[in-house]
Amino acid sequence: QMKRLLTITFLFFALTLSAKPRVTGGLSWGYLPQVYRSYSCAYYSGRDGYRINDSREGMRYVRNSYVLLDGGVDFLRHFSVHLQTGLRGVDVDYVVMPMNVDFRFFLKGYDRSGLFIGGMAGAALHNWSFDDGIFNAGLSLGYREQLYRELSVDFAFKLEGINCHPLPVDKYEGVISRPQVLFSNTNYLFVGFGVGINF
């Protein structure tokens, strides 16, 4: 997944370098609560060696927020592609560091006030490790308010999903060590909004 993300990122930047891009940076933050989770795992108990299976799914509400720094380029009057990283909440006591590629199309142009649509995808670190195999992707619909020259503010509604493979937590043994885990798969859905400053 990481190799695929790097390949896509390279292709985007190769395209933009041929289009006289404008380099930009930004800071964004927002509220992105979890509204759905499906979870399944199987592992061997450290106490008696038995196999334990667990699965559950359903709507749930977990408050989450995020803050991201980004840098990238605007090009061809209507497009932008940025790399983003920062911190975001996913679940109770589960915070990750995303590394996303964010792509946007501005209906009136990136240097004018108006609507935009966007998409993003990437991987994420948990406890400075890729061991949980976190992949996230999302869509956004927003409005850019152009303030002054290259200074603008974006407001966006967001729909995002995350797939990951965290270590199971047993009510008696606590966090299960990775050698005991047969499989672990969790999917999340988030709906929320965000604000970003671009310069």
N, C-alpha and C. Protein backbone atom coordinates (compact mmCIF):
# COMPACT_ATOMS: atom_id res chain seq x y z
N GLN A 1 0.82 -1.20 0.00
CA GLN A 1 0.00 0.00 0.00
C GLN A 1 0.86 1.26 0.00
N MET A 2 1.94 1.24 0.79
CA MET A 2 2.82 2.40 0.86
C MET A 2 3.51 2.63 -0.48
N LYS A 3 3.95 1.56 -1.15
CA LYS A 3 4.60 1.69 -2.44
C LYS A 3 3.64 2.25 -3.48
N ARG A 4 2.39 1.83 -3.43
CA ARG A 4 1.39 2.34 -4.35
C ARG A 4 1.13 3.83 -4.12
N LEU A 5 1.08 4.23 -2.84
CA LEU A 5 0.88 5.63 -2.50
C LEU A 5 2.03 6.48 -3.00
N LEU A 6 3.27 6.01 -2.84
CA LEU A 6 4.43 6.76 -3.31
C LEU A 6 4.44 6.89 -4.83
N THR A 7 4.01 5.84 -5.53
CA THR A 7 3.95 5.89 -6.99
C THR A 7 2.94 6.91 -7.46
N ILE A 8 1.74 6.91 -6.84
CA ILE A 8 0.71 7.89 -7.19
C ILE A 8 1.20 9.31 -6.91
N THR A 9 1.84 9.50 -5.76
CA THR A 9 2.36 10.82 -5.41
C THR A 9 3.37 11.30 -6.43
N PHE A 10 4.29 10.42 -6.85
CA PHE A 10 5.30 10.79 -7.85
C PHE A 10 4.64 11.19 -9.16
N LEU A 11 3.63 10.45 -9.61
CA LEU A 11 2.96 10.77 -10.86
C LEU A 11 2.25 12.11 -10.79
N PHE A 12 1.59 12.40 -9.65
CA PHE A 12 0.93 13.69 -9.48
C PHE A 12 1.93 14.83 -9.58
N PHE A 13 3.04 14.71 -8.89
CA PHE A 13 4.01 15.79 -8.90
C PHE A 13 4.73 15.91 -10.24
N ALA A 14 4.91 14.81 -10.93
CA ALA A 14 5.48 14.88 -12.28
C ALA A 14 4.56 15.66 -13.21
N LEU A 15 3.26 15.44 -13.07
CA LEU A 15 2.28 16.16 -13.88
C LEU A 15 2.29 17.64 -13.56
N THR A 16 2.31 17.97 -12.28
CA THR A 16 2.22 19.38 -11.89
C THR A 16 3.48 20.17 -12.23
N LEU A 17 4.65 19.52 -12.22
CA LEU A 17 5.88 20.22 -12.56
C LEU A 17 5.90 20.68 -14.01
N SER A 18 5.11 20.03 -14.85
CA SER A 18 5.03 20.43 -16.26
C SER A 18 3.96 21.48 -16.49
N ALA A 19 3.29 21.94 -15.42
CA ALA A 19 2.17 22.88 -15.56
C ALA A 19 2.40 24.19 -14.83
N LYS A 20 3.66 24.58 -14.61
CA LYS A 20 4.01 25.83 -13.93
C LYS A 20 3.22 25.98 -12.63
N PRO A 21 3.44 25.13 -11.66
CA PRO A 21 2.62 25.12 -10.45
C PRO A 21 2.94 26.26 -9.50
N ARG A 22 1.99 26.53 -8.60
CA ARG A 22 2.17 27.48 -7.52
C ARG A 22 2.31 26.69 -6.23
N VAL A 23 3.43 26.88 -5.54
CA VAL A 23 3.68 26.15 -4.30
C VAL A 23 2.91 26.80 -3.15
N THR A 24 2.23 25.97 -2.35
CA THR A 24 1.43 26.50 -1.24
C THR A 24 1.62 25.63 0.00
N GLY A 25 1.25 26.17 1.13
CA GLY A 25 1.24 25.44 2.39
C GLY A 25 -0.07 25.68 3.10
N GLY A 26 -0.29 24.96 4.20
CA GLY A 26 -1.54 25.16 4.90
C GLY A 26 -1.61 24.45 6.24
N LEU A 27 -2.65 24.78 6.96
CA LEU A 27 -2.97 24.17 8.25
C LEU A 27 -4.47 23.95 8.29
N SER A 28 -4.89 22.73 8.65
CA SER A 28 -6.32 22.43 8.72
C SER A 28 -6.64 21.69 10.01
N TRP A 29 -7.86 21.85 10.45
CA TRP A 29 -8.33 21.16 11.63
C TRP A 29 -9.84 20.95 11.48
N GLY A 30 -10.36 20.00 12.25
CA GLY A 30 -11.78 19.74 12.12
C GLY A 30 -12.29 18.71 13.10
N TYR A 31 -13.58 18.47 13.00
CA TYR A 31 -14.30 17.52 13.86
C TYR A 31 -14.80 16.41 12.97
N LEU A 32 -14.35 15.17 13.22
CA LEU A 32 -14.65 14.05 12.34
C LEU A 32 -15.03 12.83 13.18
N PRO A 33 -16.23 12.81 13.71
CA PRO A 33 -16.63 11.71 14.61
C PRO A 33 -16.81 10.39 13.86
N GLN A 34 -16.54 9.32 14.58
CA GLN A 34 -16.76 7.97 14.07
C GLN A 34 -18.25 7.65 14.18
N VAL A 35 -18.83 7.14 13.09
CA VAL A 35 -20.27 6.84 13.10
C VAL A 35 -20.56 5.35 12.87
N TYR A 36 -19.54 4.58 12.47
CA TYR A 36 -19.76 3.15 12.22
C TYR A 36 -18.43 2.42 12.40
N ARG A 37 -18.53 1.18 12.94
CA ARG A 37 -17.35 0.34 13.06
C ARG A 37 -17.72 -1.12 12.85
N SER A 38 -16.92 -1.85 12.07
CA SER A 38 -17.02 -3.30 11.99
C SER A 38 -15.67 -3.88 12.40
N TYR A 39 -15.71 -4.95 13.18
CA TYR A 39 -14.49 -5.46 13.79
C TYR A 39 -14.54 -6.98 13.85
N SER A 40 -13.44 -7.63 13.47
CA SER A 40 -13.35 -9.08 13.61
C SER A 40 -11.90 -9.46 13.87
N CYS A 41 -11.70 -10.48 14.70
CA CYS A 41 -10.35 -10.92 15.02
C CYS A 41 -10.38 -12.36 15.52
N ALA A 42 -9.21 -12.99 15.49
CA ALA A 42 -9.02 -14.31 16.07
C ALA A 42 -7.59 -14.37 16.62
N TYR A 43 -7.46 -14.94 17.80
CA TYR A 43 -6.13 -15.02 18.42
C TYR A 43 -6.11 -16.17 19.42
N TYR A 44 -4.91 -16.57 19.79
CA TYR A 44 -4.74 -17.62 20.79
C TYR A 44 -4.58 -17.00 22.17
N SER A 45 -5.31 -17.54 23.11
CA SER A 45 -5.22 -17.05 24.49
C SER A 45 -3.86 -17.36 25.07
N GLY A 46 -3.28 -16.38 25.77
CA GLY A 46 -2.01 -16.60 26.42
C GLY A 46 -2.14 -17.40 27.70
N ARG A 47 -3.37 -17.57 28.19
CA ARG A 47 -3.58 -18.30 29.46
C ARG A 47 -3.71 -19.80 29.24
N ASP A 48 -4.54 -20.19 28.28
CA ASP A 48 -4.78 -21.63 28.10
C ASP A 48 -4.54 -22.11 26.66
N GLY A 49 -4.16 -21.20 25.74
CA GLY A 49 -3.84 -21.60 24.37
C GLY A 49 -5.03 -21.79 23.46
N TYR A 50 -6.26 -21.60 23.96
CA TYR A 50 -7.44 -21.75 23.12
C TYR A 50 -7.55 -20.62 22.10
N ARG A 51 -8.15 -20.94 20.96
CA ARG A 51 -8.44 -19.93 19.96
C ARG A 51 -9.68 -19.16 20.37
N ILE A 52 -9.60 -17.83 20.27
CA ILE A 52 -10.72 -16.95 20.61
C ILE A 52 -11.08 -16.14 19.38
N ASN A 53 -12.36 -16.17 19.04
CA ASN A 53 -12.88 -15.38 17.92
C ASN A 53 -13.79 -14.29 18.46
N ASP A 54 -13.70 -13.13 17.84
CA ASP A 54 -14.56 -12.02 18.25
C ASP A 54 -14.92 -11.20 17.02
N SER A 55 -16.16 -10.77 16.94
CA SER A 55 -16.59 -9.89 15.85
C SER A 55 -17.79 -9.09 16.31
N ARG A 56 -17.88 -7.89 15.80
CA ARG A 56 -19.01 -7.01 16.11
C ARG A 56 -19.05 -5.90 15.08
N GLU A 57 -20.22 -5.34 14.87
CA GLU A 57 -20.37 -4.22 13.96
C GLU A 57 -21.63 -3.44 14.31
N GLY A 58 -21.64 -2.17 13.86
CA GLY A 58 -22.82 -1.37 14.11
C GLY A 58 -22.52 0.12 14.13
N MET A 59 -23.59 0.88 14.17
CA MET A 59 -23.46 2.33 14.26
C MET A 59 -23.00 2.69 15.67
N ARG A 60 -22.12 3.65 15.77
CA ARG A 60 -21.65 4.14 17.07
C ARG A 60 -21.14 5.56 16.88
N TYR A 61 -21.09 6.29 17.98
CA TYR A 61 -20.65 7.68 17.90
C TYR A 61 -19.46 7.87 18.84
N VAL A 62 -18.31 8.16 18.23
CA VAL A 62 -17.09 8.43 18.99
C VAL A 62 -16.55 9.77 18.52
N ARG A 63 -16.42 10.71 19.42
CA ARG A 63 -15.93 12.04 19.05
C ARG A 63 -14.45 12.00 18.68
N ASN A 64 -14.13 12.59 17.55
CA ASN A 64 -12.75 12.64 17.07
C ASN A 64 -12.49 13.99 16.41
N SER A 65 -11.26 14.43 16.51
CA SER A 65 -10.85 15.64 15.80
C SER A 65 -9.51 15.38 15.12
N TYR A 66 -9.07 16.33 14.32
CA TYR A 66 -7.79 16.19 13.63
C TYR A 66 -7.14 17.56 13.46
N VAL A 67 -5.83 17.55 13.28
CA VAL A 67 -5.08 18.74 12.90
C VAL A 67 -3.99 18.29 11.93
N LEU A 68 -3.87 18.98 10.80
CA LEU A 68 -2.96 18.57 9.74
C LEU A 68 -2.17 19.75 9.20
N LEU A 69 -0.91 19.52 8.92
CA LEU A 69 -0.08 20.44 8.16
C LEU A 69 0.02 19.90 6.74
N ASP A 70 0.08 20.80 5.76
CA ASP A 70 0.21 20.30 4.40
C ASP A 70 1.07 21.23 3.55
N GLY A 71 1.59 20.67 2.50
CA GLY A 71 2.34 21.41 1.51
C GLY A 71 2.11 20.79 0.15
N GLY A 72 2.03 21.61 -0.88
CA GLY A 72 1.77 21.07 -2.19
C GLY A 72 1.78 22.12 -3.26
N VAL A 73 1.07 21.85 -4.33
CA VAL A 73 1.06 22.76 -5.47
C VAL A 73 -0.34 22.91 -6.03
N ASP A 74 -0.61 24.13 -6.54
CA ASP A 74 -1.80 24.41 -7.34
C ASP A 74 -1.35 24.48 -8.80
N PHE A 75 -2.16 23.96 -9.71
CA PHE A 75 -1.74 23.95 -11.11
C PHE A 75 -2.95 23.92 -12.03
N LEU A 76 -2.73 24.34 -13.28
CA LEU A 76 -3.76 24.35 -14.33
C LEU A 76 -5.03 25.08 -13.89
N ARG A 77 -4.86 26.12 -13.09
CA ARG A 77 -5.94 27.02 -12.67
C ARG A 77 -7.01 26.40 -11.77
N HIS A 78 -7.26 25.11 -11.89
CA HIS A 78 -8.38 24.50 -11.17
C HIS A 78 -7.99 23.35 -10.24
N PHE A 79 -6.75 22.95 -10.21
CA PHE A 79 -6.36 21.74 -9.49
C PHE A 79 -5.33 22.02 -8.40
N SER A 80 -5.36 21.20 -7.36
CA SER A 80 -4.30 21.23 -6.36
C SER A 80 -4.04 19.81 -5.87
N VAL A 81 -2.79 19.54 -5.53
CA VAL A 81 -2.42 18.27 -4.92
C VAL A 81 -1.46 18.57 -3.78
N HIS A 82 -1.76 18.03 -2.61
CA HIS A 82 -1.00 18.33 -1.41
C HIS A 82 -0.66 17.05 -0.65
N LEU A 83 0.45 17.08 0.05
CA LEU A 83 0.80 16.06 1.03
C LEU A 83 0.43 16.57 2.40
N GLN A 84 -0.22 15.73 3.20
CA GLN A 84 -0.71 16.13 4.52
C GLN A 84 -0.20 15.18 5.60
N THR A 85 0.11 15.73 6.76
CA THR A 85 0.43 14.91 7.91
C THR A 85 0.07 15.66 9.19
N GLY A 86 -0.12 14.92 10.26
CA GLY A 86 -0.50 15.53 11.53
C GLY A 86 -0.97 14.47 12.50
N LEU A 87 -2.04 14.78 13.22
CA LEU A 87 -2.62 13.83 14.17
C LEU A 87 -4.13 13.79 13.98
N ARG A 88 -4.71 12.60 14.17
CA ARG A 88 -6.16 12.48 14.13
C ARG A 88 -6.61 11.33 15.02
N GLY A 89 -7.76 11.51 15.63
CA GLY A 89 -8.35 10.46 16.42
C GLY A 89 -9.11 9.49 15.54
N VAL A 90 -9.10 8.22 15.94
CA VAL A 90 -9.82 7.18 15.21
C VAL A 90 -10.84 6.50 16.12
N ASP A 91 -10.38 6.06 17.29
CA ASP A 91 -11.24 5.36 18.23
C ASP A 91 -10.78 5.71 19.64
N VAL A 92 -11.44 5.16 20.63
CA VAL A 92 -11.06 5.42 22.02
C VAL A 92 -9.61 4.97 22.23
N ASP A 93 -8.76 5.87 22.68
CA ASP A 93 -7.34 5.59 22.92
C ASP A 93 -6.61 5.10 21.66
N TYR A 94 -7.06 5.54 20.50
CA TYR A 94 -6.41 5.14 19.26
C TYR A 94 -6.23 6.38 18.38
N VAL A 95 -5.03 6.94 18.42
CA VAL A 95 -4.67 8.14 17.67
C VAL A 95 -3.60 7.77 16.67
N VAL A 96 -3.70 8.29 15.45
CA VAL A 96 -2.75 7.95 14.40
C VAL A 96 -2.15 9.21 13.79
N MET A 97 -1.06 9.01 13.05
CA MET A 97 -0.42 10.08 12.30
C MET A 97 -0.61 9.78 10.81
N PRO A 98 -1.58 10.43 10.17
CA PRO A 98 -1.84 10.15 8.76
C PRO A 98 -0.77 10.78 7.85
N MET A 99 -0.58 10.16 6.70
CA MET A 99 0.27 10.69 5.64
C MET A 99 -0.51 10.54 4.35
N ASN A 100 -1.19 11.61 3.96
CA ASN A 100 -2.17 11.56 2.88
C ASN A 100 -1.73 12.35 1.66
N VAL A 101 -2.26 11.94 0.52
CA VAL A 101 -2.24 12.75 -0.69
C VAL A 101 -3.66 13.28 -0.89
N ASP A 102 -3.79 14.60 -0.94
CA ASP A 102 -5.09 15.24 -1.07
C ASP A 102 -5.17 15.94 -2.42
N PHE A 103 -6.21 15.62 -3.19
CA PHE A 103 -6.39 16.19 -4.52
C PHE A 103 -7.72 16.95 -4.57
N ARG A 104 -7.69 18.18 -5.12
CA ARG A 104 -8.91 18.99 -5.19
C ARG A 104 -9.10 19.61 -6.57
N PHE A 105 -10.36 19.76 -6.92
CA PHE A 105 -10.75 20.46 -8.14
C PHE A 105 -11.64 21.65 -7.76
N PHE A 106 -11.22 22.85 -8.17
CA PHE A 106 -11.94 24.08 -7.85
C PHE A 106 -12.73 24.53 -9.07
N LEU A 107 -14.04 24.64 -8.89
CA LEU A 107 -14.90 24.91 -10.03
C LEU A 107 -14.59 26.26 -10.69
N LYS A 108 -14.28 27.28 -9.89
CA LYS A 108 -14.00 28.61 -10.44
C LYS A 108 -12.51 28.92 -10.51
N GLY A 109 -11.69 28.01 -10.05
CA GLY A 109 -10.25 28.25 -10.01
C GLY A 109 -9.76 28.34 -8.58
N TYR A 110 -8.53 27.88 -8.35
CA TYR A 110 -8.01 27.85 -6.98
C TYR A 110 -7.73 29.23 -6.41
N ASP A 111 -7.69 30.28 -7.25
CA ASP A 111 -7.43 31.63 -6.77
C ASP A 111 -8.69 32.49 -6.69
N ARG A 112 -9.85 31.83 -6.70
CA ARG A 112 -11.14 32.54 -6.59
C ARG A 112 -12.02 31.88 -5.54
N SER A 113 -12.93 32.65 -5.00
CA SER A 113 -13.91 32.09 -4.06
C SER A 113 -14.88 31.20 -4.83
N GLY A 114 -15.17 30.01 -4.26
CA GLY A 114 -16.09 29.12 -4.93
C GLY A 114 -16.03 27.71 -4.38
N LEU A 115 -16.86 26.84 -4.95
CA LEU A 115 -16.96 25.46 -4.51
C LEU A 115 -15.78 24.62 -4.99
N PHE A 116 -15.48 23.56 -4.24
CA PHE A 116 -14.49 22.58 -4.68
C PHE A 116 -14.94 21.19 -4.25
N ILE A 117 -14.43 20.19 -4.96
CA ILE A 117 -14.61 18.79 -4.58
C ILE A 117 -13.22 18.18 -4.43
N GLY A 118 -13.10 17.21 -3.52
CA GLY A 118 -11.78 16.66 -3.27
C GLY A 118 -11.82 15.19 -2.92
N GLY A 119 -10.66 14.60 -3.00
CA GLY A 119 -10.48 13.21 -2.60
C GLY A 119 -9.10 13.04 -2.00
N MET A 120 -8.97 12.12 -1.08
CA MET A 120 -7.67 11.88 -0.46
C MET A 120 -7.51 10.40 -0.16
N ALA A 121 -6.25 9.99 -0.06
CA ALA A 121 -5.93 8.61 0.32
C ALA A 121 -4.54 8.60 0.92
N GLY A 122 -4.30 7.61 1.77
CA GLY A 122 -2.98 7.53 2.37
C GLY A 122 -2.88 6.42 3.41
N ALA A 123 -1.72 6.37 4.02
CA ALA A 123 -1.45 5.43 5.09
C ALA A 123 -1.29 6.22 6.39
N ALA A 124 -1.08 5.51 7.49
CA ALA A 124 -0.94 6.20 8.78
C ALA A 124 -0.06 5.38 9.72
N LEU A 125 0.61 6.09 10.60
CA LEU A 125 1.41 5.48 11.66
C LEU A 125 0.61 5.42 12.96
N HIS A 126 0.79 4.34 13.70
CA HIS A 126 0.27 4.26 15.07
C HIS A 126 1.43 3.88 15.97
N ASN A 127 1.69 4.71 16.98
CA ASN A 127 2.87 4.51 17.84
C ASN A 127 4.15 4.42 17.00
N TRP A 128 4.24 5.28 15.99
CA TRP A 128 5.42 5.39 15.13
C TRP A 128 5.71 4.11 14.36
N SER A 129 4.66 3.35 14.04
CA SER A 129 4.84 2.08 13.35
C SER A 129 3.75 1.88 12.30
N PHE A 130 4.09 1.17 11.22
CA PHE A 130 3.12 0.79 10.19
C PHE A 130 2.53 -0.59 10.46
N ASP A 131 2.80 -1.18 11.62
CA ASP A 131 2.39 -2.55 11.90
C ASP A 131 0.88 -2.76 11.82
N ASP A 132 0.10 -1.72 12.09
CA ASP A 132 -1.36 -1.87 12.07
C ASP A 132 -1.94 -1.80 10.66
N GLY A 133 -1.11 -1.57 9.64
CA GLY A 133 -1.57 -1.57 8.26
C GLY A 133 -2.72 -0.62 8.00
N ILE A 134 -2.60 0.61 8.45
CA ILE A 134 -3.70 1.58 8.38
C ILE A 134 -3.77 2.21 6.99
N PHE A 135 -4.93 2.11 6.37
CA PHE A 135 -5.19 2.78 5.09
C PHE A 135 -6.46 3.62 5.23
N ASN A 136 -6.39 4.88 4.82
CA ASN A 136 -7.56 5.74 4.89
C ASN A 136 -7.80 6.44 3.56
N ALA A 137 -9.06 6.73 3.29
CA ALA A 137 -9.46 7.41 2.06
C ALA A 137 -10.72 8.21 2.35
N GLY A 138 -10.96 9.25 1.55
CA GLY A 138 -12.14 10.06 1.82
C GLY A 138 -12.48 10.99 0.67
N LEU A 139 -13.67 11.58 0.79
CA LEU A 139 -14.18 12.56 -0.16
C LEU A 139 -14.57 13.82 0.60
N SER A 140 -14.50 14.95 -0.09
CA SER A 140 -14.88 16.21 0.55
C SER A 140 -15.61 17.10 -0.45
N LEU A 141 -16.51 17.93 0.08
CA LEU A 141 -17.20 18.95 -0.67
C LEU A 141 -17.10 20.22 0.13
N GLY A 142 -16.56 21.28 -0.49
CA GLY A 142 -16.31 22.47 0.31
C GLY A 142 -16.42 23.76 -0.46
N TYR A 143 -16.08 24.83 0.25
CA TYR A 143 -16.13 26.18 -0.32
C TYR A 143 -14.85 26.91 0.08
N ARG A 144 -14.19 27.51 -0.89
CA ARG A 144 -13.00 28.32 -0.64
C ARG A 144 -13.35 29.80 -0.65
N GLU A 145 -12.94 30.50 0.39
CA GLU A 145 -13.08 31.95 0.46
C GLU A 145 -11.70 32.56 0.26
N GLN A 146 -11.54 33.23 -0.88
CA GLN A 146 -10.26 33.86 -1.19
C GLN A 146 -10.17 35.19 -0.45
N LEU A 147 -9.17 35.34 0.41
CA LEU A 147 -9.06 36.53 1.24
C LEU A 147 -8.14 37.58 0.64
N TYR A 148 -6.91 37.17 0.30
CA TYR A 148 -5.96 38.15 -0.22
C TYR A 148 -4.85 37.41 -0.95
N ARG A 149 -4.72 37.66 -2.25
CA ARG A 149 -3.70 37.03 -3.06
C ARG A 149 -3.68 35.51 -2.82
N GLU A 150 -2.62 34.99 -2.16
CA GLU A 150 -2.52 33.54 -1.96
C GLU A 150 -3.09 33.08 -0.63
N LEU A 151 -3.70 33.98 0.12
CA LEU A 151 -4.29 33.63 1.42
C LEU A 151 -5.77 33.29 1.24
N SER A 152 -6.16 32.10 1.69
CA SER A 152 -7.56 31.67 1.54
C SER A 152 -7.95 30.77 2.70
N VAL A 153 -9.26 30.61 2.88
CA VAL A 153 -9.81 29.72 3.91
C VAL A 153 -10.77 28.74 3.24
N ASP A 154 -10.61 27.46 3.56
CA ASP A 154 -11.49 26.42 3.02
C ASP A 154 -12.40 25.86 4.12
N PHE A 155 -13.67 25.67 3.77
CA PHE A 155 -14.64 25.02 4.64
C PHE A 155 -15.13 23.77 3.91
N ALA A 156 -15.14 22.62 4.60
CA ALA A 156 -15.46 21.38 3.90
C ALA A 156 -16.24 20.41 4.76
N PHE A 157 -17.19 19.72 4.12
CA PHE A 157 -17.85 18.55 4.70
C PHE A 157 -17.07 17.32 4.23
N LYS A 158 -16.87 16.35 5.14
CA LYS A 158 -16.00 15.23 4.83
C LYS A 158 -16.67 13.89 5.13
N LEU A 159 -16.37 12.93 4.27
CA LEU A 159 -16.75 11.54 4.47
C LEU A 159 -15.47 10.72 4.32
N GLU A 160 -15.09 9.99 5.38
CA GLU A 160 -13.83 9.26 5.35
C GLU A 160 -14.00 7.84 5.89
N GLY A 161 -13.16 6.96 5.40
CA GLY A 161 -13.15 5.58 5.87
C GLY A 161 -11.74 5.14 6.19
N ILE A 162 -11.59 4.24 7.15
CA ILE A 162 -10.30 3.71 7.53
C ILE A 162 -10.40 2.19 7.65
N ASN A 163 -9.42 1.50 7.09
CA ASN A 163 -9.25 0.08 7.30
C ASN A 163 -7.92 -0.14 8.01
N CYS A 164 -7.92 -0.94 9.07
CA CYS A 164 -6.68 -1.18 9.81
C CYS A 164 -6.72 -2.55 10.48
N HIS A 165 -5.57 -2.93 11.04
CA HIS A 165 -5.42 -4.25 11.64
C HIS A 165 -4.78 -4.12 13.02
N PRO A 166 -5.50 -3.54 13.96
CA PRO A 166 -4.93 -3.30 15.30
C PRO A 166 -4.83 -4.59 16.11
N LEU A 167 -4.01 -4.55 17.14
CA LEU A 167 -3.91 -5.69 18.06
C LEU A 167 -5.21 -5.82 18.86
N PRO A 168 -5.77 -7.04 18.96
CA PRO A 168 -6.98 -7.23 19.76
C PRO A 168 -6.71 -6.94 21.23
N VAL A 169 -7.78 -6.58 21.93
CA VAL A 169 -7.71 -6.35 23.37
C VAL A 169 -8.64 -7.35 24.06
N ASP A 170 -8.07 -8.20 24.88
CA ASP A 170 -8.84 -9.20 25.63
C ASP A 170 -9.20 -8.62 27.00
N LYS A 171 -10.43 -8.86 27.44
CA LYS A 171 -10.88 -8.27 28.71
C LYS A 171 -10.12 -8.81 29.92
N TYR A 172 -9.47 -9.97 29.76
CA TYR A 172 -8.69 -10.54 30.86
C TYR A 172 -7.18 -10.34 30.67
N GLU A 173 -6.72 -10.47 29.43
CA GLU A 173 -5.28 -10.42 29.17
C GLU A 173 -4.78 -9.06 28.71
N GLY A 174 -5.70 -8.14 28.38
CA GLY A 174 -5.30 -6.85 27.85
C GLY A 174 -4.93 -6.95 26.38
N VAL A 175 -3.96 -6.15 25.94
CA VAL A 175 -3.55 -6.14 24.53
C VAL A 175 -2.83 -7.45 24.19
N ILE A 176 -3.29 -8.11 23.14
CA ILE A 176 -2.71 -9.38 22.72
C ILE A 176 -1.44 -9.12 21.90
N SER A 177 -0.39 -9.87 22.17
CA SER A 177 0.85 -9.69 21.42
C SER A 177 0.67 -10.19 19.98
N ARG A 178 1.40 -9.60 19.06
CA ARG A 178 1.20 -9.91 17.65
C ARG A 178 1.43 -11.38 17.29
N PRO A 179 2.40 -12.09 17.89
CA PRO A 179 2.56 -13.52 17.54
C PRO A 179 1.34 -14.37 17.87
N GLN A 180 0.49 -13.92 18.80
CA GLN A 180 -0.71 -14.70 19.15
C GLN A 180 -1.88 -14.43 18.21
N VAL A 181 -1.78 -13.39 17.38
CA VAL A 181 -2.91 -12.96 16.55
C VAL A 181 -2.95 -13.73 15.24
N LEU A 182 -4.09 -14.33 14.95
CA LEU A 182 -4.31 -15.00 13.67
C LEU A 182 -4.74 -13.99 12.61
N PHE A 183 -5.70 -13.15 12.95
CA PHE A 183 -6.06 -12.03 12.07
C PHE A 183 -6.81 -10.99 12.90
N SER A 184 -6.77 -9.76 12.41
CA SER A 184 -7.49 -8.66 13.03
C SER A 184 -7.82 -7.65 11.95
N ASN A 185 -9.08 -7.31 11.82
CA ASN A 185 -9.50 -6.38 10.76
C ASN A 185 -10.60 -5.46 11.28
N THR A 186 -10.40 -4.17 11.10
CA THR A 186 -11.38 -3.19 11.56
C THR A 186 -11.63 -2.16 10.48
N ASN A 187 -12.89 -1.82 10.25
CA ASN A 187 -13.29 -0.77 9.30
C ASN A 187 -14.06 0.31 10.05
N TYR A 188 -13.74 1.56 9.74
CA TYR A 188 -14.40 2.70 10.37
C TYR A 188 -14.98 3.61 9.29
N LEU A 189 -16.06 4.31 9.67
CA LEU A 189 -16.64 5.35 8.82
C LEU A 189 -16.78 6.62 9.65
N PHE A 190 -16.40 7.76 9.05
CA PHE A 190 -16.44 9.05 9.73
C PHE A 190 -17.17 10.07 8.87
N VAL A 191 -17.94 10.94 9.51
CA VAL A 191 -18.61 12.05 8.84
C VAL A 191 -18.41 13.30 9.67
N GLY A 192 -17.96 14.39 9.03
CA GLY A 192 -17.71 15.60 9.81
C GLY A 192 -17.40 16.78 8.91
N PHE A 193 -16.70 17.74 9.47
CA PHE A 193 -16.38 18.97 8.75
C PHE A 193 -15.01 19.48 9.18
N GLY A 194 -14.45 20.36 8.37
CA GLY A 194 -13.14 20.89 8.69
C GLY A 194 -12.95 22.29 8.13
N VAL A 195 -11.93 22.96 8.64
CA VAL A 195 -11.55 24.31 8.21
C VAL A 195 -10.06 24.30 7.92
N GLY A 196 -9.65 24.96 6.85
CA GLY A 196 -8.24 25.02 6.52
C GLY A 196 -7.82 26.40 6.10
N ILE A 197 -6.61 26.80 6.47
CA ILE A 197 -6.02 28.07 6.05
C ILE A 197 -4.90 27.75 5.07
N ASN A 198 -4.89 28.43 3.93
CA ASN A 198 -3.89 28.20 2.90
C ASN A 198 -3.10 29.48 2.66
N PHE A 199 -1.79 29.32 2.43
CA PHE A 199 -0.95 30.50 2.22
C PHE A 199 0.19 30.18 1.26
